[in-house]
Every structure is written in structure tokens, then in C-alpha cells.
N, C-alpha and C. Protein backbone atom coordinates (compact mmCIF):
# COMPACT_ATOMS: atom_id res chain seq x y z
N LEU A 1 1.20 -0.88 -0.05
CA LEU A 1 0.27 -0.08 -0.04
C LEU A 1 0.90 1.26 -0.22
N LEU A 2 0.51 2.28 -0.94
CA LEU A 2 1.55 3.25 -0.82
C LEU A 2 0.71 4.37 -0.90
N LEU A 3 1.11 5.45 0.34
CA LEU A 3 -0.41 6.42 -0.01
C LEU A 3 1.03 7.72 -0.37
N THR A 4 0.85 8.70 -1.47
CA THR A 4 1.35 9.40 -1.92
C THR A 4 0.75 10.52 -2.15
N THR A 5 0.71 11.71 -2.22
CA THR A 5 0.61 12.48 -3.06
C THR A 5 1.43 13.07 -4.19
N ASP A 6 2.99 13.16 -4.04
CA ASP A 6 3.77 13.43 -5.05
C ASP A 6 4.43 12.28 -5.63
N ALA A 7 3.55 12.63 -6.80
CA ALA A 7 3.49 12.21 -8.54
C ALA A 7 4.89 11.58 -8.95
N ALA A 8 5.30 12.59 -8.45
CA ALA A 8 7.43 11.63 -9.01
C ALA A 8 7.79 11.00 -8.31
N LEU A 9 7.48 11.27 -6.71
CA LEU A 9 7.95 9.90 -6.20
C LEU A 9 7.26 8.33 -6.20
N ARG A 10 5.91 8.44 -6.33
CA ARG A 10 5.25 7.52 -6.43
C ARG A 10 5.49 6.74 -7.76
N SER A 11 6.25 7.28 -9.03
CA SER A 11 6.57 7.01 -9.76
C SER A 11 8.13 6.13 -9.47
N LYS A 12 8.76 7.16 -9.44
CA LYS A 12 9.77 6.07 -8.93
C LYS A 12 9.86 5.48 -7.99
N LEU A 13 9.28 4.69 -7.16
CA LEU A 13 8.93 3.92 -6.06
C LEU A 13 8.67 2.29 -6.69
N LEU A 14 7.75 2.81 -7.16
CA LEU A 14 6.69 2.03 -9.23
C LEU A 14 7.71 1.65 -9.45
N SER A 15 8.76 1.85 -9.79
CA SER A 15 9.39 1.73 -11.60
C SER A 15 11.22 1.15 -11.39
N THR A 16 11.16 1.17 -10.09
CA THR A 16 12.14 -0.25 -9.16
C THR A 16 11.65 -1.08 -8.79
N ILE A 17 10.81 -1.68 -8.53
CA ILE A 17 10.06 -2.99 -8.09
C ILE A 17 9.30 -3.65 -9.40
N SER A 18 9.37 -4.54 -8.81
CA SER A 18 8.48 -5.63 -10.36
C SER A 18 7.35 -6.40 -9.61
N PRO A 19 6.37 -6.56 -10.46
CA PRO A 19 4.40 -6.52 -9.91
C PRO A 19 4.96 -7.40 -8.89
N GLN A 20 6.01 -8.58 -9.12
CA GLN A 20 5.67 -9.31 -8.04
C GLN A 20 6.43 -9.39 -6.59
N THR A 21 6.18 -8.09 -5.93
CA THR A 21 7.57 -8.10 -5.36
C THR A 21 6.48 -7.10 -4.11
N THR A 22 7.00 -8.13 -2.71
CA THR A 22 6.20 -7.31 -2.19
C THR A 22 6.70 -6.12 -1.26
N ILE A 23 6.62 -4.75 -0.17
CA ILE A 23 6.93 -4.61 0.07
C ILE A 23 6.68 -4.39 1.43
N THR A 24 7.17 -4.41 2.55
CA THR A 24 6.87 -4.35 3.89
C THR A 24 7.77 -3.56 5.04
N SER A 25 7.58 -3.71 6.07
CA SER A 25 8.09 -2.04 6.42
C SER A 25 9.71 -2.37 7.11
N GLU A 26 9.82 -4.03 6.94
CA GLU A 26 11.14 -4.48 7.11
C GLU A 26 12.04 -3.89 5.22
N GLY A 27 11.10 -3.80 4.82
CA GLY A 27 12.03 -3.56 3.29
C GLY A 27 11.35 -3.89 2.44
N SER A 28 11.88 -4.87 0.99
CA SER A 28 11.00 -5.62 -0.29
C SER A 28 11.60 -7.48 -0.17
N SER A 29 10.32 -7.76 -0.65
CA SER A 29 10.61 -9.27 -0.67
C SER A 29 10.42 -9.15 -1.72
N SER A 30 11.28 -10.70 -1.77
CA SER A 30 10.85 -11.50 -3.63
C SER A 30 9.75 -12.18 -3.61
N SER A 31 9.14 -12.79 -2.62
CA SER A 31 8.18 -13.81 -2.85
C SER A 31 6.78 -13.54 -3.72
N PRO A 32 6.32 -14.13 -4.12
CA PRO A 32 5.42 -13.58 -5.38
C PRO A 32 4.28 -13.66 -4.95
N VAL A 33 3.04 -12.76 -5.15
CA VAL A 33 2.21 -12.34 -4.61
C VAL A 33 1.22 -13.88 -5.55
N TYR A 34 0.35 -14.40 -4.63
CA TYR A 34 -0.25 -14.73 -6.02
C TYR A 34 -2.36 -14.60 -5.60
N LYS A 35 -2.82 -14.74 -6.12
CA LYS A 35 -4.15 -14.11 -5.82
C LYS A 35 -4.53 -15.13 -5.42
N GLY A 36 -5.94 -14.98 -4.98
CA GLY A 36 -7.11 -15.83 -4.23
C GLY A 36 -6.14 -16.62 -2.91
N SER A 37 -6.76 -18.13 -2.86
CA SER A 37 -6.37 -17.83 -1.61
C SER A 37 -5.45 -19.32 -2.09
N ALA A 38 -4.41 -19.85 -0.32
CA ALA A 38 -3.68 -21.19 -1.24
C ALA A 38 -4.14 -21.87 -0.07
N SER A 39 -5.18 -22.02 0.09
CA SER A 39 -5.68 -23.54 1.07
C SER A 39 -5.92 -24.35 0.05
N THR A 40 -6.03 -25.37 0.96
CA THR A 40 -6.45 -26.97 -0.50
C THR A 40 -7.18 -27.44 0.33
N LYS A 41 -8.04 -28.66 0.05
CA LYS A 41 -9.34 -29.89 0.55
C LYS A 41 -9.31 -30.66 -0.04
N THR A 42 -8.72 -32.21 0.59
CA THR A 42 -8.79 -33.16 0.34
C THR A 42 -10.45 -33.95 0.23
N TYR A 43 -10.46 -34.60 -0.82
CA TYR A 43 -12.24 -35.20 -0.90
C TYR A 43 -12.12 -36.66 -0.45
N ARG A 44 -13.10 -37.66 0.14
CA ARG A 44 -12.98 -38.89 -0.54
C ARG A 44 -13.46 -39.05 -1.37
N VAL A 45 -13.17 -40.01 -2.40
CA VAL A 45 -14.99 -39.81 -3.74
C VAL A 45 -14.29 -41.44 -3.83
N ARG A 46 -15.85 -41.80 -4.22
CA ARG A 46 -15.90 -43.70 -3.97
C ARG A 46 -16.97 -43.00 -5.85
N THR A 47 -15.95 -43.63 -6.53
CA THR A 47 -17.11 -43.81 -7.85
C THR A 47 -17.67 -45.11 -8.11
N ASN A 48 -18.98 -45.31 -9.39
CA ASN A 48 -19.62 -46.26 -9.54
C ASN A 48 -18.93 -47.33 -9.90
N PHE A 49 -17.57 -47.14 -11.08
CA PHE A 49 -16.68 -47.61 -11.11
C PHE A 49 -14.76 -48.25 -11.22
N PRO A 50 -13.71 -48.73 -11.04
CA PRO A 50 -12.63 -48.08 -10.58
C PRO A 50 -11.98 -47.46 -12.01
N ILE A 51 -11.30 -46.38 -11.68
CA ILE A 51 -10.76 -45.54 -11.97
C ILE A 51 -9.15 -46.23 -12.79
N ASP A 52 -8.80 -46.03 -14.13
CA ASP A 52 -7.55 -46.73 -14.36
C ASP A 52 -6.82 -45.57 -14.21
N ASP A 53 -5.37 -46.19 -14.80
CA ASP A 53 -4.40 -45.08 -14.94
C ASP A 53 -4.34 -44.09 -15.49
N ASP A 54 -4.69 -44.11 -16.50
CA ASP A 54 -4.41 -43.52 -18.13
C ASP A 54 -5.89 -42.37 -16.78
N GLN A 55 -6.81 -42.41 -16.65
CA GLN A 55 -7.40 -41.30 -16.09
C GLN A 55 -7.21 -41.01 -14.98
N LEU A 56 -6.70 -41.97 -14.23
CA LEU A 56 -5.93 -41.09 -12.81
C LEU A 56 -4.69 -39.80 -13.21
N LYS A 57 -3.61 -40.20 -14.28
CA LYS A 57 -2.94 -38.99 -14.31
C LYS A 57 -4.19 -38.07 -15.42
N ALA A 58 -5.01 -37.86 -16.02
CA ALA A 58 -5.89 -37.53 -16.86
C ALA A 58 -6.22 -36.07 -15.28
N LEU A 59 -6.94 -36.66 -14.34
CA LEU A 59 -7.44 -36.37 -13.55
C LEU A 59 -6.26 -35.63 -12.55
N GLN A 60 -5.45 -36.11 -12.58
CA GLN A 60 -3.83 -34.96 -11.89
C GLN A 60 -3.49 -33.65 -12.86
N ASN A 61 -2.95 -34.26 -14.13
CA ASN A 61 -3.31 -32.97 -15.24
C ASN A 61 -4.09 -31.92 -15.23
N GLY A 62 -5.47 -31.96 -15.01
CA GLY A 62 -6.46 -30.98 -15.24
C GLY A 62 -7.05 -31.45 -16.53
N VAL A 63 -8.67 -31.92 -15.96
CA VAL A 63 -9.50 -32.14 -17.60
C VAL A 63 -10.77 -30.71 -17.35
N PRO A 64 -10.84 -30.59 -18.92
CA PRO A 64 -11.55 -29.36 -19.03
C PRO A 64 -13.05 -29.52 -18.09
N ILE A 65 -13.83 -28.55 -17.89
CA ILE A 65 -15.20 -28.73 -17.34
C ILE A 65 -15.86 -27.74 -17.58
N THR A 66 -17.20 -27.66 -17.39
CA THR A 66 -18.11 -26.88 -17.92
C THR A 66 -18.88 -26.09 -16.69
N THR A 67 -18.54 -24.54 -16.53
CA THR A 67 -18.70 -24.39 -15.37
C THR A 67 -20.28 -22.84 -15.86
N THR A 68 -21.57 -22.73 -15.25
CA THR A 68 -22.16 -21.77 -15.46
C THR A 68 -21.77 -20.20 -14.87
N SER A 69 -21.69 -19.04 -15.02
CA SER A 69 -21.24 -17.93 -14.14
C SER A 69 -22.66 -17.55 -14.27
N ARG A 70 -23.21 -17.60 -12.57
CA ARG A 70 -24.72 -17.13 -12.29
C ARG A 70 -24.93 -14.73 -12.53
N ARG A 71 -23.44 -14.73 -11.99
CA ARG A 71 -23.38 -13.08 -11.67
C ARG A 71 -23.58 -13.40 -13.37
N ARG A 72 -22.75 -13.72 -14.69
CA ARG A 72 -22.76 -12.92 -16.43
C ARG A 72 -23.53 -13.10 -17.13
N GLY A 73 -24.78 -13.79 -16.10
CA GLY A 73 -26.43 -13.96 -17.01
C GLY A 73 -26.34 -15.60 -17.54
N GLY A 74 -26.23 -16.27 -17.10
CA GLY A 74 -25.82 -17.43 -17.05
C GLY A 74 -25.27 -17.74 -18.11
N THR A 75 -23.54 -17.12 -18.17
CA THR A 75 -22.71 -17.34 -19.25
C THR A 75 -21.73 -18.96 -18.91
N LYS A 76 -21.62 -19.83 -20.07
CA LYS A 76 -20.84 -21.13 -19.79
C LYS A 76 -19.30 -20.68 -20.26
N ARG A 77 -18.84 -20.89 -19.33
CA ARG A 77 -16.87 -21.23 -19.79
C ARG A 77 -16.65 -22.78 -19.90
N THR A 78 -16.11 -23.09 -20.48
CA THR A 78 -15.53 -24.60 -20.70
C THR A 78 -13.79 -24.03 -20.29
N GLN A 79 -13.50 -24.85 -19.16
CA GLN A 79 -12.02 -24.37 -18.55
C GLN A 79 -10.99 -25.84 -17.92
N ASN A 80 -9.71 -26.11 -18.54
CA ASN A 80 -9.26 -27.17 -17.89
C ASN A 80 -9.11 -26.81 -15.71
N THR A 81 -9.68 -27.93 -15.11
CA THR A 81 -9.12 -27.40 -13.62
C THR A 81 -7.47 -27.44 -13.75
N LEU A 82 -7.54 -27.02 -12.81
CA LEU A 82 -5.96 -26.90 -11.76
C LEU A 82 -5.36 -28.25 -11.86
N PRO A 83 -4.05 -28.36 -11.63
CA PRO A 83 -3.70 -30.17 -11.64
C PRO A 83 -3.24 -30.21 -9.82
N CYS A 84 -3.70 -31.50 -9.43
CA CYS A 84 -4.57 -31.70 -8.37
C CYS A 84 -4.09 -32.65 -7.64
N ASP A 85 -3.63 -33.03 -6.60
CA ASP A 85 -3.08 -34.48 -5.92
C ASP A 85 -4.74 -35.23 -5.78
N VAL A 86 -4.04 -36.88 -6.85
CA VAL A 86 -4.65 -37.73 -6.60
C VAL A 86 -4.31 -38.38 -6.89
N GLU A 87 -4.70 -39.71 -5.81
CA GLU A 87 -4.27 -41.03 -5.31
C GLU A 87 -5.45 -42.03 -4.95
N ARG A 88 -5.66 -43.26 -4.59
CA ARG A 88 -6.11 -44.38 -4.97
C ARG A 88 -5.96 -44.80 -3.56
N ASP A 89 -7.01 -44.50 -2.29
CA ASP A 89 -7.31 -45.38 -1.31
C ASP A 89 -7.99 -47.10 -1.45
N LEU A 90 -6.71 -47.61 -1.35
CA LEU A 90 -6.36 -48.77 -1.45
C LEU A 90 -6.95 -49.41 0.02
N LYS A 91 -6.45 -48.54 1.03
CA LYS A 91 -7.48 -49.67 2.41
C LYS A 91 -8.59 -49.58 2.27
N SER A 92 -9.35 -48.32 1.98
CA SER A 92 -10.85 -48.96 1.81
C SER A 92 -11.48 -49.49 0.56
N SER A 93 -10.81 -49.34 0.39
CA SER A 93 -11.68 -50.00 -1.56
C SER A 93 -10.53 -50.93 -2.71
N PRO A 94 -10.17 -52.32 -2.43
CA PRO A 94 -8.64 -52.84 -3.11
C PRO A 94 -9.04 -52.48 -4.32
N GLY A 95 -10.20 -52.11 -4.88
CA GLY A 95 -10.76 -52.47 -6.63
C GLY A 95 -10.56 -51.11 -6.66
N GLY A 96 -10.33 -50.26 -6.78
CA GLY A 96 -9.68 -49.05 -6.95
C GLY A 96 -10.91 -48.06 -6.71
N LYS A 97 -12.31 -48.32 -6.42
CA LYS A 97 -12.85 -47.25 -7.02
C LYS A 97 -12.83 -45.68 -5.91
N VAL A 98 -12.48 -46.00 -4.87
CA VAL A 98 -12.01 -45.14 -3.56
C VAL A 98 -10.90 -44.03 -4.44
N LEU A 99 -11.17 -42.45 -4.23
CA LEU A 99 -10.37 -42.14 -4.37
C LEU A 99 -9.87 -40.89 -3.23
N LEU A 100 -8.97 -40.18 -3.55
CA LEU A 100 -8.32 -39.52 -2.34
C LEU A 100 -7.68 -38.46 -3.38
N ILE A 101 -8.77 -36.79 -3.56
CA ILE A 101 -8.35 -35.46 -4.22
C ILE A 101 -8.31 -34.49 -3.45
N THR A 102 -7.44 -34.22 -3.61
CA THR A 102 -6.80 -32.58 -2.55
C THR A 102 -7.01 -31.66 -4.01
N LEU A 103 -7.77 -30.59 -4.08
CA LEU A 103 -8.29 -29.93 -4.85
C LEU A 103 -7.09 -28.48 -4.76
N ARG A 104 -7.29 -27.20 -5.68
CA ARG A 104 -6.59 -26.23 -5.26
C ARG A 104 -7.61 -25.05 -5.72
N GLU A 105 -8.62 -25.44 -5.89
CA GLU A 105 -9.45 -24.23 -6.41
C GLU A 105 -10.56 -25.42 -6.12
N GLY A 106 -11.79 -24.50 -6.35
CA GLY A 106 -12.96 -25.11 -5.47
C GLY A 106 -14.57 -24.43 -6.70
N ARG A 107 -14.39 -25.31 -7.39
CA ARG A 107 -15.65 -24.68 -8.45
C ARG A 107 -16.77 -25.31 -8.13
N ASN A 108 -17.66 -25.17 -8.54
CA ASN A 108 -18.88 -25.74 -8.05
C ASN A 108 -19.72 -27.37 -9.06
N ARG A 109 -19.29 -28.36 -8.23
CA ARG A 109 -19.79 -29.50 -8.37
C ARG A 109 -18.31 -29.98 -9.40
N GLN A 110 -17.28 -29.04 -8.91
CA GLN A 110 -16.27 -29.79 -9.82
C GLN A 110 -15.93 -30.61 -9.80
N ILE A 111 -15.98 -31.79 -8.37
CA ILE A 111 -15.04 -33.07 -9.16
C ILE A 111 -15.98 -34.44 -9.71
N ARG A 112 -17.90 -33.79 -8.68
CA ARG A 112 -18.54 -35.05 -9.99
C ARG A 112 -18.21 -33.86 -11.52
N LYS A 113 -18.11 -33.38 -11.40
CA LYS A 113 -17.71 -32.91 -13.32
C LYS A 113 -16.54 -33.39 -13.59
N MET A 114 -15.26 -33.59 -13.20
CA MET A 114 -14.40 -34.11 -13.19
C MET A 114 -14.49 -36.15 -13.33
N ILE A 115 -15.18 -36.50 -12.18
CA ILE A 115 -15.45 -38.03 -12.71
C ILE A 115 -16.58 -37.98 -14.08
N GLY A 116 -17.27 -37.07 -14.27
CA GLY A 116 -18.18 -36.60 -14.57
C GLY A 116 -17.45 -37.15 -16.44
N PHE A 117 -16.47 -36.44 -16.57
CA PHE A 117 -15.81 -36.83 -17.84
C PHE A 117 -14.66 -37.57 -18.37
N LEU A 118 -14.96 -38.58 -17.18
CA LEU A 118 -14.10 -39.85 -17.47
C LEU A 118 -15.06 -40.84 -18.02
N GLY A 119 -16.37 -40.44 -17.66
CA GLY A 119 -16.99 -41.67 -18.15
C GLY A 119 -18.03 -42.32 -16.72
N HIS A 120 -18.05 -41.67 -15.64
CA HIS A 120 -17.91 -41.82 -14.29
C HIS A 120 -19.14 -41.38 -13.52
N ARG A 121 -19.79 -41.61 -12.85
CA ARG A 121 -20.16 -41.62 -11.43
C ARG A 121 -19.89 -41.26 -10.13
N VAL A 122 -20.43 -40.07 -10.03
CA VAL A 122 -19.81 -39.90 -8.27
C VAL A 122 -20.46 -40.87 -7.34
N ALA A 123 -20.08 -41.64 -6.15
CA ALA A 123 -21.27 -42.89 -5.62
C ALA A 123 -21.26 -41.95 -4.33
N ALA A 124 -20.25 -41.56 -3.74
CA ALA A 124 -20.08 -40.86 -2.21
C ALA A 124 -19.25 -39.95 -2.41
N LEU A 125 -19.57 -39.16 -1.66
CA LEU A 125 -18.44 -37.86 -1.69
C LEU A 125 -18.41 -37.75 -0.24
N ARG A 126 -17.01 -36.71 0.02
CA ARG A 126 -17.01 -36.46 1.52
C ARG A 126 -16.08 -35.71 1.63
């Protein structure tokens, strides 16, 4: 946060820092600033059929899902999900029907849409 009425000082200060530099009371820091929350959430997902290795890799890399914006008059947008951590929970289901999915974003019905992209359905979600 920069509060000044001196335009020359403002220009000089802003021209010496990169957009990803944070100015603190101790000086500048070169750590990047990210938009949004850095939190993650893990879901336990049971599917109607086992997920094979190729499908598991597709989920990890991100799959395209379509979301409808309520704020923009119901416009639809198709976009890949962010990469996420996906692993089989073999303790709960030796058949490979139970997955542990850790998301870095939380879009509306994202887990169900991701599994639906693979041609499966979510039987249980926690």
C-alpha cells in the first residue's frame, strides 16, 4: 500500500520494483504474490467403476469442465481444472473405486464434473 500525493516519488518507487515484489515495513521481499486462497481441500470420492491409470493421470493434470456464471447472465465457460493430487485409497477399496482428491480450487460441483468427464459417476463424496 503506497499513500503519497507526490507523483514523482510514486513513479520512482513503482518503477524500481517488479509486479511480484511485496514491500513490507522491513523492506522488499521477492516472494511472489498469488491471487486467491492458497488453501487446499481433500475429498474422499467413491466412483461407480474403478478408475484406471490413464484416467488417474488425466485427473492429476487437469480436465476440461464447464461452469455456468450466475453473475454474467448464465454464460457458460469451459476451462481445464488446475492440476491436483489424486491417489487411490486402497485401504478402503482394494478395487480402486475410492480416490483421495486434493483440490487447489473449488469450483461448483467440480469433483462430480471431473469424474463425469471420465465417463463415471460419483457414488459418494466426503
